[in-house]
Amino acid sequence: LILARSLLEQSLHLQELAAAGQERVALVLDWYNRSLSEK
């Protein structure tokens, strides 16, 4: 169930990206930038 919760979150991100159209790049780059902050 712990992994299913992570899979749920990942799938919601993918759904949002699929629905974003041309804004998808701005979303992904922000995700990347925030990931770099965590790193």
PDB file of all heavy atoms in Angstrom:
ATOM      1  N   LEU A   1       0.826  -1.205   0.000  1.00  0.00           N
ATOM      2  CA  LEU A   1       0.000   0.000   0.000  1.00  0.00           C
ATOM      3  C   LEU A   1       0.864   1.261   0.000  1.00  0.00           C
ATOM      4  O   LEU A   1       0.502   2.276  -0.602  1.00  0.00           O
ATOM      5  CB  LEU A   1      -0.935  -0.003   1.206  1.00  0.00           C
ATOM      6  CG  LEU A   1      -1.902   1.188   1.322  1.00  0.00           C
ATOM      7  CD1 LEU A   1      -2.830   1.254   0.120  1.00  0.00           C
ATOM      8  CD2 LEU A   1      -2.719   1.084   2.617  1.00  0.00           C
ATOM      9  N   ILE A   2       2.005   1.205   0.672  1.00  0.00           N
ATOM     10  CA  ILE A   2       2.918   2.352   0.683  1.00  0.00           C
ATOM     11  C   ILE A   2       3.373   2.664  -0.742  1.00  0.00           C
ATOM     12  O   ILE A   2       3.380   3.828  -1.175  1.00  0.00           O
ATOM     13  CB  ILE A   2       4.126   2.065   1.593  1.00  0.00           C
ATOM     14  CG1 ILE A   2       3.678   1.916   3.048  1.00  0.00           C
ATOM     15  CG2 ILE A   2       5.173   3.159   1.465  1.00  0.00           C
ATOM     16  CD1 ILE A   2       4.771   1.435   3.984  1.00  0.00           C
ATOM     17  N   LEU A   3       3.740   1.619  -1.487  1.00  0.00           N
ATOM     18  CA  LEU A   3       4.159   1.843  -2.875  1.00  0.00           C
ATOM     19  C   LEU A   3       2.977   2.263  -3.744  1.00  0.00           C
ATOM     20  O   LEU A   3       3.144   3.064  -4.681  1.00  0.00           O
ATOM     21  CB  LEU A   3       4.797   0.575  -3.447  1.00  0.00           C
ATOM     22  CG  LEU A   3       6.108   0.112  -2.809  1.00  0.00           C
ATOM     23  CD1 LEU A   3       6.725  -1.004  -3.649  1.00  0.00           C
ATOM     24  CD2 LEU A   3       7.088   1.251  -2.641  1.00  0.00           C
ATOM     25  N   ALA A   4       1.789   1.749  -3.456  1.00  0.00           N
ATOM     26  CA  ALA A   4       0.600   2.141  -4.222  1.00  0.00           C
ATOM     27  C   ALA A   4       0.307   3.622  -4.042  1.00  0.00           C
ATOM     28  O   ALA A   4      -0.167   4.293  -4.961  1.00  0.00           O
ATOM     29  CB  ALA A   4      -0.605   1.305  -3.796  1.00  0.00           C
ATOM     30  N   ARG A   5       0.601   4.134  -2.850  1.00  0.00           N
ATOM     31  CA  ARG A   5       0.409   5.561  -2.610  1.00  0.00           C
ATOM     32  C   ARG A   5       1.371   6.383  -3.472  1.00  0.00           C
ATOM     33  O   ARG A   5       0.997   7.402  -4.051  1.00  0.00           O
ATOM     34  CB  ARG A   5       0.636   5.861  -1.127  1.00  0.00           C
ATOM     35  CG  ARG A   5       0.266   7.298  -0.746  1.00  0.00           C
ATOM     36  CD  ARG A   5       1.535   8.086  -0.462  1.00  0.00           C
ATOM     37  NE  ARG A   5       1.222   9.408   0.044  1.00  0.00           N
ATOM     38  CZ  ARG A   5       1.302  10.512  -0.691  1.00  0.00           C
ATOM     39  NH1 ARG A   5       1.685  10.454  -1.942  1.00  0.00           N
ATOM     40  NH2 ARG A   5       0.982  11.693  -0.169  1.00  0.00           N
ATOM     41  N   SER A   6       2.627   5.926  -3.599  1.00  0.00           N
ATOM     42  CA  SER A   6       3.590   6.612  -4.468  1.00  0.00           C
ATOM     43  C   SER A   6       3.161   6.526  -5.927  1.00  0.00           C
ATOM     44  O   SER A   6       3.298   7.494  -6.689  1.00  0.00           O
ATOM     45  CB  SER A   6       4.981   5.992  -4.300  1.00  0.00           C
ATOM     46  OG  SER A   6       5.499   6.254  -3.017  1.00  0.00           O
ATOM     47  N   LEU A   7       2.634   5.382  -6.317  1.00  0.00           N
ATOM     48  CA  LEU A   7       2.166   5.200  -7.690  1.00  0.00           C
ATOM     49  C   LEU A   7       0.980   6.123  -7.976  1.00  0.00           C
ATOM     50  O   LEU A   7       0.870   6.695  -9.070  1.00  0.00           O
ATOM     51  CB  LEU A   7       1.783   3.732  -7.912  1.00  0.00           C
ATOM     52  CG  LEU A   7       1.225   3.340  -9.279  1.00  0.00           C
ATOM     53  CD1 LEU A   7       2.098   3.838 -10.411  1.00  0.00           C
ATOM     54  CD2 LEU A   7       1.058   1.829  -9.355  1.00  0.00           C
ATOM     55  N   LEU A   8       0.096   6.291  -7.016  1.00  0.00           N
ATOM     56  CA  LEU A   8      -1.028   7.206  -7.174  1.00  0.00           C
ATOM     57  C   LEU A   8      -0.531   8.630  -7.432  1.00  0.00           C
ATOM     58  O   LEU A   8      -0.991   9.317  -8.356  1.00  0.00           O
ATOM     59  CB  LEU A   8      -1.904   7.179  -5.914  1.00  0.00           C
ATOM     60  CG  LEU A   8      -2.969   8.275  -5.792  1.00  0.00           C
ATOM     61  CD1 LEU A   8      -4.002   8.161  -6.896  1.00  0.00           C
ATOM     62  CD2 LEU A   8      -3.649   8.217  -4.428  1.00  0.00           C
ATOM     63  N   GLU A   9       0.427   9.084  -6.621  1.00  0.00           N
ATOM     64  CA  GLU A   9       0.966  10.436  -6.796  1.00  0.00           C
ATOM     65  C   GLU A   9       1.615  10.592  -8.161  1.00  0.00           C
ATOM     66  O   GLU A   9       1.418  11.602  -8.841  1.00  0.00           O
ATOM     67  CB  GLU A   9       1.975  10.739  -5.689  1.00  0.00           C
ATOM     68  CG  GLU A   9       2.542  12.142  -5.757  1.00  0.00           C
ATOM     69  CD  GLU A   9       3.380  12.499  -4.533  1.00  0.00           C
ATOM     70  OE1 GLU A   9       3.486  11.662  -3.603  1.00  0.00           O
ATOM     71  OE2 GLU A   9       3.940  13.616  -4.522  1.00  0.00           O
ATOM     72  N   GLN A  10       2.383   9.589  -8.572  1.00  0.00           N
ATOM     73  CA  GLN A  10       3.032   9.666  -9.876  1.00  0.00           C
ATOM     74  C   GLN A  10       2.005   9.731 -10.998  1.00  0.00           C
ATOM     75  O   GLN A  10       2.155  10.484 -11.966  1.00  0.00           O
ATOM     76  CB  GLN A  10       3.940   8.451 -10.075  1.00  0.00           C
ATOM     77  CG  GLN A  10       4.877   8.571 -11.272  1.00  0.00           C
ATOM     78  CD  GLN A  10       5.974   9.592 -11.040  1.00  0.00           C
ATOM     79  OE1 GLN A  10       7.005   9.283 -10.489  1.00  0.00           O
ATOM     80  NE2 GLN A  10       5.751  10.821 -11.457  1.00  0.00           N
ATOM     81  N   SER A  11       0.948   8.953 -10.886  1.00  0.00           N
ATOM     82  CA  SER A  11      -0.067   8.936 -11.944  1.00  0.00           C
ATOM     83  C   SER A  11      -0.810  10.265 -12.025  1.00  0.00           C
ATOM     84  O   SER A  11      -1.164  10.725 -13.118  1.00  0.00           O
ATOM     85  CB  SER A  11      -1.049   7.786 -11.720  1.00  0.00           C
ATOM     86  OG  SER A  11      -1.842   7.989 -10.569  1.00  0.00           O
ATOM     87  N   LEU A  12      -1.047  10.911 -10.880  1.00  0.00           N
ATOM     88  CA  LEU A  12      -1.697  12.224 -10.897  1.00  0.00           C
ATOM     89  C   LEU A  12      -0.810  13.261 -11.585  1.00  0.00           C
ATOM     90  O   LEU A  12      -1.300  14.111 -12.340  1.00  0.00           O
ATOM     91  CB  LEU A  12      -2.035  12.669  -9.477  1.00  0.00           C
ATOM     92  CG  LEU A  12      -3.233  11.961  -8.829  1.00  0.00           C
ATOM     93  CD1 LEU A  12      -3.299  12.283  -7.338  1.00  0.00           C
ATOM     94  CD2 LEU A  12      -4.532  12.359  -9.518  1.00  0.00           C
ATOM     95  N   HIS A  13       0.482  13.200 -11.329  1.00  0.00           N
ATOM     96  CA  HIS A  13       1.402  14.107 -12.028  1.00  0.00           C
ATOM     97  C   HIS A  13       1.333  13.873 -13.536  1.00  0.00           C
ATOM     98  O   HIS A  13       1.294  14.834 -14.326  1.00  0.00           O
ATOM     99  CB  HIS A  13       2.837  13.891 -11.545  1.00  0.00           C
ATOM    100  CG  HIS A  13       3.099  14.388 -10.161  1.00  0.00           C
ATOM    101  ND1 HIS A  13       2.340  15.361  -9.549  1.00  0.00           N
ATOM    102  CD2 HIS A  13       4.057  14.051  -9.257  1.00  0.00           C
ATOM    103  CE1 HIS A  13       2.811  15.610  -8.342  1.00  0.00           C
ATOM    104  NE2 HIS A  13       3.849  14.818  -8.139  1.00  0.00           N
ATOM    105  N   LEU A  14       1.333  12.614 -13.957  1.00  0.00           N
ATOM    106  CA  LEU A  14       1.283  12.314 -15.388  1.00  0.00           C
ATOM    107  C   LEU A  14      -0.034  12.773 -16.010  1.00  0.00           C
ATOM    108  O   LEU A  14      -0.044  13.294 -17.137  1.00  0.00           O
ATOM    109  CB  LEU A  14       1.487  10.814 -15.611  1.00  0.00           C
ATOM    110  CG  LEU A  14       2.924  10.319 -15.413  1.00  0.00           C
ATOM    111  CD1 LEU A  14       2.964   8.801 -15.323  1.00  0.00           C
ATOM    112  CD2 LEU A  14       3.828  10.808 -16.538  1.00  0.00           C
ATOM    113  N   GLN A  15      -1.126  12.607 -15.287  1.00  0.00           N
ATOM    114  CA  GLN A  15      -2.410  13.091 -15.805  1.00  0.00           C
ATOM    115  C   GLN A  15      -2.394  14.606 -15.986  1.00  0.00           C
ATOM    116  O   GLN A  15      -2.899  15.129 -16.981  1.00  0.00           O
ATOM    117  CB  GLN A  15      -3.545  12.684 -14.868  1.00  0.00           C
ATOM    118  CG  GLN A  15      -3.945  11.220 -14.976  1.00  0.00           C
ATOM    119  CD  GLN A  15      -5.190  10.927 -14.155  1.00  0.00           C
ATOM    120  OE1 GLN A  15      -5.127  10.780 -12.947  1.00  0.00           O
ATOM    121  NE2 GLN A  15      -6.330  10.848 -14.826  1.00  0.00           N
ATOM    122  N   GLU A  16      -1.831  15.306 -15.001  1.00  0.00           N
ATOM    123  CA  GLU A  16      -1.766  16.764 -15.111  1.00  0.00           C
ATOM    124  C   GLU A  16      -0.894  17.176 -16.289  1.00  0.00           C
ATOM    125  O   GLU A  16      -1.244  18.097 -17.046  1.00  0.00           O
ATOM    126  CB  GLU A  16      -1.237  17.369 -13.819  1.00  0.00           C
ATOM    127  CG  GLU A  16      -1.206  18.891 -13.853  1.00  0.00           C
ATOM    128  CD  GLU A  16      -0.745  19.542 -12.561  1.00  0.00           C
ATOM    129  OE1 GLU A  16      -0.541  18.801 -11.568  1.00  0.00           O
ATOM    130  OE2 GLU A  16      -0.593  20.767 -12.544  1.00  0.00           O
ATOM    131  N   LEU A  17       0.233  16.507 -16.469  1.00  0.00           N
ATOM    132  CA  LEU A  17       1.115  16.838 -17.579  1.00  0.00           C
ATOM    133  C   LEU A  17       0.451  16.555 -18.922  1.00  0.00           C
ATOM    134  O   LEU A  17       0.611  17.318 -19.883  1.00  0.00           O
ATOM    135  CB  LEU A  17       2.422  16.055 -17.459  1.00  0.00           C
ATOM    136  CG  LEU A  17       3.320  16.438 -16.277  1.00  0.00           C
ATOM    137  CD1 LEU A  17       4.467  15.450 -16.133  1.00  0.00           C
ATOM    138  CD2 LEU A  17       3.846  17.861 -16.428  1.00  0.00           C
ATOM    139  N   ALA A  18      -0.310  15.478 -18.992  1.00  0.00           N
ATOM    140  CA  ALA A  18      -1.001  15.143 -20.243  1.00  0.00           C
ATOM    141  C   ALA A  18      -2.064  16.177 -20.585  1.00  0.00           C
ATOM    142  O   ALA A  18      -2.327  16.437 -21.762  1.00  0.00           O
ATOM    143  CB  ALA A  18      -1.625  13.757 -20.135  1.00  0.00           C
ATOM    144  N   ALA A  19      -2.671  16.761 -19.566  1.00  0.00           N
ATOM    145  CA  ALA A  19      -3.729  17.738 -19.784  1.00  0.00           C
ATOM    146  C   ALA A  19      -3.203  19.156 -19.983  1.00  0.00           C
ATOM    147  O   ALA A  19      -3.975  20.065 -20.311  1.00  0.00           O
ATOM    148  CB  ALA A  19      -4.701  17.716 -18.602  1.00  0.00           C
ATOM    149  N   ALA A  20      -1.894  19.355 -19.785  1.00  0.00           N
ATOM    150  CA  ALA A  20      -1.343  20.707 -19.759  1.00  0.00           C
ATOM    151  C   ALA A  20      -1.057  21.299 -21.133  1.00  0.00           C
ATOM    152  O   ALA A  20      -0.853  22.506 -21.257  1.00  0.00           O
ATOM    153  CB  ALA A  20      -0.050  20.719 -18.931  1.00  0.00           C
ATOM    154  N   GLY A  21      -1.023  20.463 -22.160  1.00  0.00           N
ATOM    155  CA  GLY A  21      -0.742  20.984 -23.494  1.00  0.00           C
ATOM    156  C   GLY A  21       0.621  21.638 -23.568  1.00  0.00           C
ATOM    157  O   GLY A  21       1.627  21.091 -23.108  1.00  0.00           O
ATOM    158  N   GLN A  22       0.670  22.853 -24.111  1.00  0.00           N
ATOM    159  CA  GLN A  22       1.938  23.547 -24.292  1.00  0.00           C
ATOM    160  C   GLN A  22       2.568  23.988 -22.974  1.00  0.00           C
ATOM    161  O   GLN A  22       3.754  24.336 -22.944  1.00  0.00           O
ATOM    162  CB  GLN A  22       1.724  24.767 -25.191  1.00  0.00           C
ATOM    163  CG  GLN A  22       1.344  24.393 -26.626  1.00  0.00           C
ATOM    164  CD  GLN A  22       1.196  25.619 -27.509  1.00  0.00           C
ATOM    165  OE1 GLN A  22       1.091  26.748 -27.024  1.00  0.00           O
ATOM    166  NE2 GLN A  22       1.178  25.394 -28.820  1.00  0.00           N
ATOM    167  N   GLU A  23       1.797  23.968 -21.902  1.00  0.00           N
ATOM    168  CA  GLU A  23       2.337  24.350 -20.592  1.00  0.00           C
ATOM    169  C   GLU A  23       3.113  23.211 -19.924  1.00  0.00           C
ATOM    170  O   GLU A  23       3.677  23.393 -18.846  1.00  0.00           O
ATOM    171  CB  GLU A  23       1.200  24.790 -19.667  1.00  0.00           C
ATOM    172  CG  GLU A  23       0.467  26.036 -20.129  1.00  0.00           C
ATOM    173  CD  GLU A  23       1.379  27.250 -20.142  1.00  0.00           C
ATOM    174  OE1 GLU A  23       2.209  27.373 -19.220  1.00  0.00           O
ATOM    175  OE2 GLU A  23       1.278  28.070 -21.069  1.00  0.00           O
ATOM    176  N   ARG A  24       3.135  22.039 -20.551  1.00  0.00           N
ATOM    177  CA  ARG A  24       3.785  20.879 -19.947  1.00  0.00           C
ATOM    178  C   ARG A  24       5.268  21.152 -19.672  1.00  0.00           C
ATOM    179  O   ARG A  24       5.791  20.770 -18.620  1.00  0.00           O
ATOM    180  CB  ARG A  24       3.645  19.659 -20.855  1.00  0.00           C
ATOM    181  CG  ARG A  24       4.255  18.405 -20.261  1.00  0.00           C
ATOM    182  CD  ARG A  24       3.911  17.162 -21.054  1.00  0.00           C
ATOM    183  NE  ARG A  24       4.567  17.078 -22.334  1.00  0.00           N
ATOM    184  CZ  ARG A  24       3.936  17.186 -23.506  1.00  0.00           C
ATOM    185  NH1 ARG A  24       2.638  17.397 -23.538  1.00  0.00           N
ATOM    186  NH2 ARG A  24       4.604  17.095 -24.649  1.00  0.00           N
ATOM    187  N   VAL A  25       5.936  21.818 -20.584  1.00  0.00           N
ATOM    188  CA  VAL A  25       7.369  22.067 -20.412  1.00  0.00           C
ATOM    189  C   VAL A  25       7.627  22.906 -19.174  1.00  0.00           C
ATOM    190  O   VAL A  25       8.541  22.615 -18.385  1.00  0.00           O
ATOM    191  CB  VAL A  25       7.949  22.756 -21.670  1.00  0.00           C
ATOM    192  CG1 VAL A  25       9.405  23.133 -21.426  1.00  0.00           C
ATOM    193  CG2 VAL A  25       7.850  21.826 -22.872  1.00  0.00           C
ATOM    194  N   ALA A  26       6.831  23.954 -18.958  1.00  0.00           N
ATOM    195  CA  ALA A  26       7.008  24.806 -17.783  1.00  0.00           C
ATOM    196  C   ALA A  26       6.783  24.022 -16.497  1.00  0.00           C
ATOM    197  O   ALA A  26       7.463  24.252 -15.494  1.00  0.00           O
ATOM    198  CB  ALA A  26       6.060  26.008 -17.857  1.00  0.00           C
ATOM    199  N   LEU A  27       5.854  23.085 -16.516  1.00  0.00           N
ATOM    200  CA  LEU A  27       5.595  22.243 -15.347  1.00  0.00           C
ATOM    201  C   LEU A  27       6.766  21.302 -15.075  1.00  0.00           C
ATOM    202  O   LEU A  27       7.207  21.143 -13.933  1.00  0.00           O
ATOM    203  CB  LEU A  27       4.315  21.433 -15.554  1.00  0.00           C
ATOM    204  CG  LEU A  27       2.995  22.193 -15.464  1.00  0.00           C
ATOM    205  CD1 LEU A  27       1.860  21.333 -16.009  1.00  0.00           C
ATOM    206  CD2 LEU A  27       2.694  22.598 -14.023  1.00  0.00           C
ATOM    207  N   VAL A  28       7.262  20.677 -16.133  1.00  0.00           N
ATOM    208  CA  VAL A  28       8.354  19.711 -15.964  1.00  0.00           C
ATOM    209  C   VAL A  28       9.633  20.412 -15.509  1.00  0.00           C
ATOM    210  O   VAL A  28      10.349  19.915 -14.628  1.00  0.00           O
ATOM    211  CB  VAL A  28       8.604  18.934 -17.271  1.00  0.00           C
ATOM    212  CG1 VAL A  28       9.836  18.039 -17.134  1.00  0.00           C
ATOM    213  CG2 VAL A  28       7.394  18.083 -17.626  1.00  0.00           C
ATOM    214  N   LEU A  29       9.916  21.568 -16.092  1.00  0.00           N
ATOM    215  CA  LEU A  29      11.138  22.278 -15.703  1.00  0.00           C
ATOM    216  C   LEU A  29      11.063  22.763 -14.255  1.00  0.00           C
ATOM    217  O   LEU A  29      12.083  22.781 -13.544  1.00  0.00           O
ATOM    218  CB  LEU A  29      11.394  23.451 -16.647  1.00  0.00           C
ATOM    219  CG  LEU A  29      11.799  23.079 -18.077  1.00  0.00           C
ATOM    220  CD1 LEU A  29      12.016  24.336 -18.914  1.00  0.00           C
ATOM    221  CD2 LEU A  29      13.042  22.199 -18.104  1.00  0.00           C
ATOM    222  N   ASP A  30       9.880  23.133 -13.808  1.00  0.00           N
ATOM    223  CA  ASP A  30       9.738  23.511 -12.403  1.00  0.00           C
ATOM    224  C   ASP A  30       9.945  22.298 -11.504  1.00  0.00           C
ATOM    225  O   ASP A  30      10.607  22.393 -10.460  1.00  0.00           O
ATOM    226  CB  ASP A  30       8.352  24.115 -12.148  1.00  0.00           C
ATOM    227  CG  ASP A  30       8.198  24.574 -10.706  1.00  0.00           C
ATOM    228  OD1 ASP A  30       8.724  25.646 -10.363  1.00  0.00           O
ATOM    229  OD2 ASP A  30       7.555  23.847  -9.909  1.00  0.00           O
ATOM    230  N   TRP A  31       9.385  21.154 -11.913  1.00  0.00           N
ATOM    231  CA  TRP A  31       9.593  19.907 -11.161  1.00  0.00           C
ATOM    232  C   TRP A  31      11.085  19.591 -11.083  1.00  0.00           C
ATOM    233  O   TRP A  31      11.604  19.216 -10.016  1.00  0.00           O
ATOM    234  CB  TRP A  31       8.840  18.768 -11.853  1.00  0.00           C
ATOM    235  CG  TRP A  31       9.229  17.408 -11.376  1.00  0.00           C
ATOM    236  CD1 TRP A  31       8.723  16.723 -10.312  1.00  0.00           C
ATOM    237  CD2 TRP A  31      10.246  16.567 -11.961  1.00  0.00           C
ATOM    238  NE1 TRP A  31       9.352  15.504 -10.186  1.00  0.00           N
ATOM    239  CE2 TRP A  31      10.289  15.381 -11.173  1.00  0.00           C
ATOM    240  CE3 TRP A  31      11.092  16.696 -13.044  1.00  0.00           C
ATOM    241  CZ2 TRP A  31      11.166  14.335 -11.465  1.00  0.00           C
ATOM    242  CZ3 TRP A  31      11.972  15.658 -13.337  1.00  0.00           C
ATOM    243  CH2 TRP A  31      11.999  14.498 -12.547  1.00  0.00           C
ATOM    244  N   TYR A  32      11.789  19.752 -12.196  1.00  0.00           N
ATOM    245  CA  TYR A  32      13.233  19.495 -12.236  1.00  0.00           C
ATOM    246  C   TYR A  32      13.978  20.459 -11.313  1.00  0.00           C
ATOM    247  O   TYR A  32      14.854  20.061 -10.538  1.00  0.00           O
ATOM    248  CB  TYR A  32      13.710  19.635 -13.679  1.00  0.00           C
ATOM    249  CG  TYR A  32      15.178  19.397 -13.920  1.00  0.00           C
ATOM    250  CD1 TYR A  32      15.909  18.499 -13.140  1.00  0.00           C
ATOM    251  CD2 TYR A  32      15.842  20.065 -14.957  1.00  0.00           C
ATOM    252  CE1 TYR A  32      17.257  18.276 -13.389  1.00  0.00           C
ATOM    253  CE2 TYR A  32      17.185  19.843 -15.207  1.00  0.00           C
ATOM    254  CZ  TYR A  32      17.885  18.958 -14.417  1.00  0.00           C
ATOM    255  OH  TYR A  32      19.224  18.748 -14.658  1.00  0.00           O
ATOM    256  N   ASN A  33      13.604  21.724 -11.363  1.00  0.00           N
ATOM    257  CA  ASN A  33      14.260  22.732 -10.533  1.00  0.00           C
ATOM    258  C   ASN A  33      14.068  22.436  -9.050  1.00  0.00           C
ATOM    259  O   ASN A  33      15.000  22.544  -8.251  1.00  0.00           O
ATOM    260  CB  ASN A  33      13.706  24.117 -10.870  1.00  0.00           C
ATOM    261  CG  ASN A  33      14.482  25.228 -10.208  1.00  0.00           C
ATOM    262  OD1 ASN A  33      15.707  25.279 -10.276  1.00  0.00           O
ATOM    263  ND2 ASN A  33      13.773  26.134  -9.550  1.00  0.00           N
ATOM    264  N   ARG A  34      12.868  22.038  -8.676  1.00  0.00           N
ATOM    265  CA  ARG A  34      12.601  21.705  -7.273  1.00  0.00           C
ATOM    266  C   ARG A  34      13.339  20.424  -6.867  1.00  0.00           C
ATOM    267  O   ARG A  34      13.788  20.291  -5.722  1.00  0.00           O
ATOM    268  CB  ARG A  34      11.098  21.561  -7.045  1.00  0.00           C
ATOM    269  CG  ARG A  34      10.357  22.883  -7.167  1.00  0.00           C
ATOM    270  CD  ARG A  34       8.856  22.729  -6.992  1.00  0.00           C
ATOM    271  NE  ARG A  34       8.195  24.003  -7.223  1.00  0.00           N
ATOM    272  CZ  ARG A  34       8.092  24.970  -6.314  1.00  0.00           C
ATOM    273  NH1 ARG A  34       8.588  24.769  -5.103  1.00  0.00           N
ATOM    274  NH2 ARG A  34       7.499  26.109  -6.597  1.00  0.00           N
ATOM    275  N   SER A  35      13.471  19.498  -7.798  1.00  0.00           N
ATOM    276  CA  SER A  35      14.237  18.284  -7.516  1.00  0.00           C
ATOM    277  C   SER A  35      15.703  18.622  -7.255  1.00  0.00           C
ATOM    278  O   SER A  35      16.343  18.034  -6.374  1.00  0.00           O
ATOM    279  CB  SER A  35      14.140  17.312  -8.698  1.00  0.00           C
ATOM    280  OG  SER A  35      12.811  16.886  -8.906  1.00  0.00           O
ATOM    281  N   LEU A  36      16.214  19.589  -7.997  1.00  0.00           N
ATOM    282  CA  LEU A  36      17.601  20.013  -7.782  1.00  0.00           C
ATOM    283  C   LEU A  36      17.769  20.653  -6.404  1.00  0.00           C
ATOM    284  O   LEU A  36      18.817  20.490  -5.764  1.00  0.00           O
ATOM    285  CB  LEU A  36      18.026  20.996  -8.873  1.00  0.00           C
ATOM    286  CG  LEU A  36      18.206  20.405 -10.280  1.00  0.00           C
ATOM    287  CD1 LEU A  36      18.550  21.502 -11.280  1.00  0.00           C
ATOM    288  CD2 LEU A  36      19.266  19.311 -10.295  1.00  0.00           C
ATOM    289  N   SER A  37      16.734  21.359  -5.945  1.00  0.00           N
ATOM    290  CA  SER A  37      16.802  21.944  -4.602  1.00  0.00           C
ATOM    291  C   SER A  37      16.895  20.847  -3.548  1.00  0.00           C
ATOM    292  O   SER A  37      17.647  20.975  -2.569  1.00  0.00           O
ATOM    293  CB  SER A  37      15.570  22.821  -4.347  1.00  0.00           C
ATOM    294  OG  SER A  37      15.564  23.945  -5.200  1.00  0.00           O
ATOM    295  N   GLU A  38      16.136  19.774  -3.748  1.00  0.00           N
ATOM    296  CA  GLU A  38      16.202  18.650  -2.819  1.00  0.00           C
ATOM    297  C   GLU A  38      17.591  17.996  -2.862  1.00  0.00           C
ATOM    298  O   GLU A  38      18.160  17.628  -1.823  1.00  0.00           O
ATOM    299  CB  GLU A  38      15.124  17.616  -3.159  1.00  0.00           C
ATOM    300  CG  GLU A  38      13.701  18.118  -2.996  1.00  0.00           C
ATOM    301  CD  GLU A  38      13.377  18.457  -1.560  1.00  0.00           C
ATOM    302  OE1 GLU A  38      13.932  17.811  -0.643  1.00  0.00           O
ATOM    303  OE2 GLU A  38      12.569  19.383  -1.335  1.00  0.00           O
ATOM    304  N   LYS A  39      18.119  17.853  -4.066  1.00  0.00           N
ATOM    305  CA  LYS A  39      19.460  17.265  -4.214  1.00  0.00           C
ATOM    306  C   LYS A  39      20.509  18.135  -3.518  1.00  0.00           C
ATOM    307  O   LYS A  39      21.402  17.623  -2.829  1.00  0.00           O
ATOM    308  CB  LYS A  39      19.802  17.123  -5.696  1.00  0.00           C
ATOM    309  CG  LYS A  39      21.109  16.394  -5.962  1.00  0.00           C
ATOM    310  CD  LYS A  39      21.469  16.434  -7.441  1.00  0.00           C
ATOM    311  CE  LYS A  39      20.546  15.595  -8.273  1.00  0.00           C
ATOM    312  NZ  LYS A  39      20.989  15.528  -9.707  1.00  0.00           N
TER     313      LYS A  39
END
